[in-house]
Amino acid sequence: MSSGASVSALQHLVEQLKLEAGVERIKVSQAANACKDALLVGSPAGSNPFREPRSCALL
């Protein structure tokens, strides 16, 4: 019985390794800074430094 369980466990391990081998890898520096990247997450409309300043509507 233990050899059958061992073979089953090894088959499961092989399947898991095959799945992990197919995962697309990225550098840690890219993953860590992705939440701060304005091109990926966008920027709030009020804090865009490249937008034209609005003029006063009363003047």
PDB file of N, CA and C in Angstrom:
ATOM      1  N   MET A   1       0.814  -1.190   0.000  1.00  0.00           N
ATOM      2  CA  MET A   1       0.000   0.000   0.000  1.00  0.00           C
ATOM      3  C   MET A   1       0.860   1.258   0.000  1.00  0.00           C
ATOM      4  N   SER A   2       1.950   1.265   0.735  1.00  0.00           N
ATOM      5  CA  SER A   2       2.759   2.473   0.829  1.00  0.00           C
ATOM      6  C   SER A   2       3.409   2.813  -0.510  1.00  0.00           C
ATOM      7  N   SER A   3       3.726   1.804  -1.326  1.00  0.00           N
ATOM      8  CA  SER A   3       4.319   2.104  -2.631  1.00  0.00           C
ATOM      9  C   SER A   3       3.285   2.740  -3.556  1.00  0.00           C
ATOM     10  N   GLY A   4       2.011   2.321  -3.436  1.00  0.00           N
ATOM     11  CA  GLY A   4       0.946   2.933  -4.233  1.00  0.00           C
ATOM     12  C   GLY A   4       0.724   4.377  -3.837  1.00  0.00           C
ATOM     13  N   ALA A   5       0.757   4.641  -2.544  1.00  0.00           N
ATOM     14  CA  ALA A   5       0.600   6.010  -2.057  1.00  0.00           C
ATOM     15  C   ALA A   5       1.804   6.854  -2.462  1.00  0.00           C
ATOM     16  N   SER A   6       2.973   6.231  -2.447  1.00  0.00           N
ATOM     17  CA  SER A   6       4.184   6.941  -2.828  1.00  0.00           C
ATOM     18  C   SER A   6       4.139   7.322  -4.309  1.00  0.00           C
ATOM     19  N   VAL A   7       3.684   6.402  -5.150  1.00  0.00           N
ATOM     20  CA  VAL A   7       3.589   6.676  -6.584  1.00  0.00           C
ATOM     21  C   VAL A   7       2.560   7.780  -6.831  1.00  0.00           C
ATOM     22  N   SER A   8       1.451   7.721  -6.129  1.00  0.00           N
ATOM     23  CA  SER A   8       0.415   8.743  -6.279  1.00  0.00           C
ATOM     24  C   SER A   8       0.936  10.112  -5.845  1.00  0.00           C
ATOM     25  N   ALA A   9       1.667  10.148  -4.757  1.00  0.00           N
ATOM     26  CA  ALA A   9       2.231  11.409  -4.272  1.00  0.00           C
ATOM     27  C   ALA A   9       3.252  11.961  -5.265  1.00  0.00           C
ATOM     28  N   LEU A  10       4.051  11.094  -5.838  1.00  0.00           N
ATOM     29  CA  LEU A  10       5.042  11.540  -6.816  1.00  0.00           C
ATOM     30  C   LEU A  10       4.373  12.039  -8.094  1.00  0.00           C
ATOM     31  N   GLN A  11       3.289  11.382  -8.510  1.00  0.00           N
ATOM     32  CA  GLN A  11       2.562  11.840  -9.692  1.00  0.00           C
ATOM     33  C   GLN A  11       1.961  13.224  -9.447  1.00  0.00           C
ATOM     34  N   HIS A  12       1.427  13.410  -8.256  1.00  0.00           N
ATOM     35  CA  HIS A  12       0.879  14.722  -7.900  1.00  0.00           C
ATOM     36  C   HIS A  12       1.987  15.776  -7.904  1.00  0.00           C
ATOM     37  N   LEU A  13       3.150  15.428  -7.391  1.00  0.00           N
ATOM     38  CA  LEU A  13       4.283  16.348  -7.365  1.00  0.00           C
ATOM     39  C   LEU A  13       4.724  16.712  -8.780  1.00  0.00           C
ATOM     40  N   VAL A  14       4.760  15.732  -9.670  1.00  0.00           N
ATOM     41  CA  VAL A  14       5.152  15.986 -11.060  1.00  0.00           C
ATOM     42  C   VAL A  14       4.153  16.924 -11.735  1.00  0.00           C
ATOM     43  N   GLU A  15       2.867  16.708 -11.506  1.00  0.00           N
ATOM     44  CA  GLU A  15       1.847  17.584 -12.084  1.00  0.00           C
ATOM     45  C   GLU A  15       1.992  19.011 -11.558  1.00  0.00           C
ATOM     46  N   GLN A  16       2.261  19.147 -10.274  1.00  0.00           N
ATOM     47  CA  GLN A  16       2.451  20.474  -9.682  1.00  0.00           C
ATOM     48  C   GLN A  16       3.670  21.163 -10.279  1.00  0.00           C
ATOM     49  N   LEU A  17       4.752  20.437 -10.467  1.00  0.00           N
ATOM     50  CA  LEU A  17       5.961  21.018 -11.050  1.00  0.00           C
ATOM     51  C   LEU A  17       5.735  21.423 -12.504  1.00  0.00           C
ATOM     52  N   LYS A  18       4.947  20.651 -13.238  1.00  0.00           N
ATOM     53  CA  LYS A  18       4.627  21.010 -14.622  1.00  0.00           C
ATOM     54  C   LYS A  18       3.837  22.315 -14.665  1.00  0.00           C
ATOM     55  N   LEU A  19       2.886  22.465 -13.743  1.00  0.00           N
ATOM     56  CA  LEU A  19       2.115  23.706 -13.682  1.00  0.00           C
ATOM     57  C   LEU A  19       3.008  24.895 -13.348  1.00  0.00           C
ATOM     58  N   GLU A  20       3.904  24.719 -12.397  1.00  0.00           N
ATOM     59  CA  GLU A  20       4.797  25.804 -11.991  1.00  0.00           C
ATOM     60  C   GLU A  20       5.786  26.157 -13.093  1.00  0.00           C
ATOM     61  N   ALA A  21       6.179  25.178 -13.904  1.00  0.00           N
ATOM     62  CA  ALA A  21       7.117  25.444 -14.994  1.00  0.00           C
ATOM     63  C   ALA A  21       6.469  26.293 -16.078  1.00  0.00           C
ATOM     64  N   GLY A  22       5.157  26.211 -16.212  1.00  0.00           N
ATOM     65  CA  GLY A  22       4.460  26.974 -17.240  1.00  0.00           C
ATOM     66  C   GLY A  22       4.106  28.392 -16.844  1.00  0.00           C
ATOM     67  N   VAL A  23       4.367  28.774 -15.602  1.00  0.00           N
ATOM     68  CA  VAL A  23       4.030  30.117 -15.124  1.00  0.00           C
ATOM     69  C   VAL A  23       5.008  31.127 -15.716  1.00  0.00           C
ATOM     70  N   GLU A  24       4.463  32.248 -16.239  1.00  0.00           N
ATOM     71  CA  GLU A  24       5.323  33.297 -16.781  1.00  0.00           C
ATOM     72  C   GLU A  24       5.998  34.038 -15.632  1.00  0.00           C
ATOM     73  N   ARG A  25       7.301  34.165 -15.702  1.00  0.00           N
ATOM     74  CA  ARG A  25       8.078  34.796 -14.626  1.00  0.00           C
ATOM     75  C   ARG A  25       8.351  36.252 -14.962  1.00  0.00           C
ATOM     76  N   ILE A  26       8.348  37.098 -13.942  1.00  0.00           N
ATOM     77  CA  ILE A  26       8.772  38.483 -14.091  1.00  0.00           C
ATOM     78  C   ILE A  26       9.774  38.789 -12.986  1.00  0.00           C
ATOM     79  N   LYS A  27      10.555  39.831 -13.193  1.00  0.00           N
ATOM     80  CA  LYS A  27      11.554  40.208 -12.202  1.00  0.00           C
ATOM     81  C   LYS A  27      10.874  40.714 -10.938  1.00  0.00           C
ATOM     82  N   VAL A  28      11.517  40.494  -9.804  1.00  0.00           N
ATOM     83  CA  VAL A  28      10.972  40.935  -8.521  1.00  0.00           C
ATOM     84  C   VAL A  28      10.844  42.453  -8.493  1.00  0.00           C
ATOM     85  N   SER A  29      11.792  43.150  -9.094  1.00  0.00           N
ATOM     86  CA  SER A  29      11.736  44.614  -9.094  1.00  0.00           C
ATOM     87  C   SER A  29      10.511  45.118  -9.850  1.00  0.00           C
ATOM     88  N   GLN A  30      10.110  44.423 -10.900  1.00  0.00           N
ATOM     89  CA  GLN A  30       8.910  44.824 -11.639  1.00  0.00           C
ATOM     90  C   GLN A  30       7.662  44.553 -10.817  1.00  0.00           C
ATOM     91  N   ALA A  31       7.605  43.413 -10.178  1.00  0.00           N
ATOM     92  CA  ALA A  31       6.423  43.051  -9.395  1.00  0.00           C
ATOM     93  C   ALA A  31       6.279  43.946  -8.166  1.00  0.00           C
ATOM     94  N   ALA A  32       7.390  44.302  -7.536  1.00  0.00           N
ATOM     95  CA  ALA A  32       7.338  45.108  -6.319  1.00  0.00           C
ATOM     96  C   ALA A  32       6.917  46.543  -6.607  1.00  0.00           C
ATOM     97  N   ASN A  33       7.280  47.059  -7.773  1.00  0.00           N
ATOM     98  CA  ASN A  33       6.984  48.453  -8.096  1.00  0.00           C
ATOM     99  C   ASN A  33       5.763  48.619  -8.986  1.00  0.00           C
ATOM    100  N   ALA A  34       5.084  47.537  -9.318  1.00  0.00           N
ATOM    101  CA  ALA A  34       3.939  47.620 -10.231  1.00  0.00           C
ATOM    102  C   ALA A  34       2.809  48.458  -9.648  1.00  0.00           C
ATOM    103  N   CYS A  35       2.606  48.409  -8.341  1.00  0.00           N
ATOM    104  CA  CYS A  35       1.504  49.173  -7.735  1.00  0.00           C
ATOM    105  C   CYS A  35       1.772  50.676  -7.764  1.00  0.00           C
ATOM    106  N   LYS A  36       3.021  51.100  -7.925  1.00  0.00           N
ATOM    107  CA  LYS A  36       3.369  52.521  -7.957  1.00  0.00           C
ATOM    108  C   LYS A  36       3.502  53.057  -9.382  1.00  0.00           C
ATOM    109  N   ASP A  37       3.437  52.183 -10.380  1.00  0.00           N
ATOM    110  CA  ASP A  37       3.641  52.576 -11.767  1.00  0.00           C
ATOM    111  C   ASP A  37       2.380  53.249 -12.307  1.00  0.00           C
ATOM    112  N   ALA A  38       2.492  54.515 -12.660  1.00  0.00           N
ATOM    113  CA  ALA A  38       1.327  55.268 -13.140  1.00  0.00           C
ATOM    114  C   ALA A  38       0.826  54.753 -14.480  1.00  0.00           C
ATOM    115  N   LEU A  39       1.691  54.150 -15.279  1.00  0.00           N
ATOM    116  CA  LEU A  39       1.247  53.614 -16.563  1.00  0.00           C
ATOM    117  C   LEU A  39       0.400  52.361 -16.386  1.00  0.00           C
ATOM    118  N   LEU A  40       0.596  51.633 -15.302  1.00  0.00           N
ATOM    119  CA  LEU A  40      -0.181  50.417 -15.054  1.00  0.00           C
ATOM    120  C   LEU A  40      -1.461  50.694 -14.291  1.00  0.00           C
ATOM    121  N   VAL A  41      -1.396  51.526 -13.271  1.00  0.00           N
ATOM    122  CA  VAL A  41      -2.559  51.741 -12.405  1.00  0.00           C
ATOM    123  C   VAL A  41      -3.269  53.064 -12.684  1.00  0.00           C
ATOM    124  N   GLY A  42      -2.665  53.942 -13.473  1.00  0.00           N
ATOM    125  CA  GLY A  42      -3.272  55.241 -13.745  1.00  0.00           C
ATOM    126  C   GLY A  42      -2.965  56.221 -12.629  1.00  0.00           C
ATOM    127  N   SER A  43      -3.352  57.453 -12.840  1.00  0.00           N
ATOM    128  CA  SER A  43      -3.142  58.468 -11.810  1.00  0.00           C
ATOM    129  C   SER A  43      -4.456  59.202 -11.598  1.00  0.00           C
ATOM    130  N   PRO A  44      -4.696  59.683 -10.403  1.00  0.00           N
ATOM    131  CA  PRO A  44      -5.919  60.447 -10.148  1.00  0.00           C
ATOM    132  C   PRO A  44      -5.941  61.724 -10.990  1.00  0.00           C
ATOM    133  N   ALA A  45      -7.106  62.133 -11.419  1.00  0.00           N
ATOM    134  CA  ALA A  45      -7.226  63.301 -12.298  1.00  0.00           C
ATOM    135  C   ALA A  45      -6.710  64.570 -11.631  1.00  0.00           C
ATOM    136  N   GLY A  46      -6.853  64.689 -10.329  1.00  0.00           N
ATOM    137  CA  GLY A  46      -6.427  65.895  -9.629  1.00  0.00           C
ATOM    138  C   GLY A  46      -4.932  66.023  -9.462  1.00  0.00           C
ATOM    139  N   SER A  47      -4.191  64.948  -9.583  1.00  0.00           N
ATOM    140  CA  SER A  47      -2.751  65.008  -9.331  1.00  0.00           C
ATOM    141  C   SER A  47      -1.922  64.812 -10.593  1.00  0.00           C
ATOM    142  N   ASN A  48      -2.495  65.039 -11.761  1.00  0.00           N
ATOM    143  CA  ASN A  48      -1.766  64.874 -13.014  1.00  0.00           C
ATOM    144  C   ASN A  48      -0.921  66.119 -13.267  1.00  0.00           C
ATOM    145  N   PRO A  49       0.410  66.027 -13.211  1.00  0.00           N
ATOM    146  CA  PRO A  49       1.254  67.212 -13.387  1.00  0.00           C
ATOM    147  C   PRO A  49       1.314  67.689 -14.837  1.00  0.00           C
ATOM    148  N   PHE A  50       0.873  66.891 -15.801  1.00  0.00           N
ATOM    149  CA  PHE A  50       0.968  67.253 -17.205  1.00  0.00           C
ATOM    150  C   PHE A  50      -0.317  67.891 -17.740  1.00  0.00           C
ATOM    151  N   ARG A  51      -1.355  67.955 -16.921  1.00  0.00           N
ATOM    152  CA  ARG A  51      -2.618  68.544 -17.347  1.00  0.00           C
ATOM    153  C   ARG A  51      -2.522  70.063 -17.295  1.00  0.00           C
ATOM    154  N   GLU A  52      -3.197  70.729 -18.231  1.00  0.00           N
ATOM    155  CA  GLU A  52      -3.226  72.194 -18.247  1.00  0.00           C
ATOM    156  C   GLU A  52      -3.923  72.697 -16.988  1.00  0.00           C
ATOM    157  N   PRO A  53      -3.398  73.714 -16.338  1.00  0.00           N
ATOM    158  CA  PRO A  53      -4.084  74.257 -15.161  1.00  0.00           C
ATOM    159  C   PRO A  53      -5.396  74.924 -15.578  1.00  0.00           C
ATOM    160  N   ARG A  54      -6.418  74.740 -14.773  1.00  0.00           N
ATOM    161  CA  ARG A  54      -7.725  75.330 -15.070  1.00  0.00           C
ATOM    162  C   ARG A  54      -7.723  76.806 -14.678  1.00  0.00           C
ATOM    163  N   SER A  55      -8.438  77.592 -15.466  1.00  0.00           N
ATOM    164  CA  SER A  55      -8.566  79.005 -15.106  1.00  0.00           C
ATOM    165  C   SER A  55      -9.866  79.186 -14.331  1.00  0.00           C
ATOM    166  N   CYS A  56      -9.967  80.267 -13.648  1.00  0.00           N
ATOM    167  CA  CYS A  56     -11.142  80.547 -12.840  1.00  0.00           C
ATOM    168  C   CYS A  56     -12.332  80.846 -13.755  1.00  0.00           C
ATOM    169  N   ALA A  57     -13.485  80.241 -13.489  1.00  0.00           N
ATOM    170  CA  ALA A  57     -14.673  80.425 -14.329  1.00  0.00           C
ATOM    171  C   ALA A  57     -15.303  81.799 -14.128  1.00  0.00           C
ATOM    172  N   LEU A  58     -15.026  82.469 -13.023  1.00  0.00           N
ATOM    173  CA  LEU A  58     -15.628  83.772 -12.750  1.00  0.00           C
ATOM    174  C   LEU A  58     -14.930  84.902 -13.491  1.00  0.00           C
ATOM    175  N   LEU A  59     -13.682  84.734 -13.835  1.00  0.00           N
ATOM    176  CA  LEU A  59     -12.924  85.811 -14.496  1.00  0.00           C
ATOM    177  C   LEU A  59     -13.073  85.759 -15.948  1.00  0.00           C
TER     178      LEU A  59
END
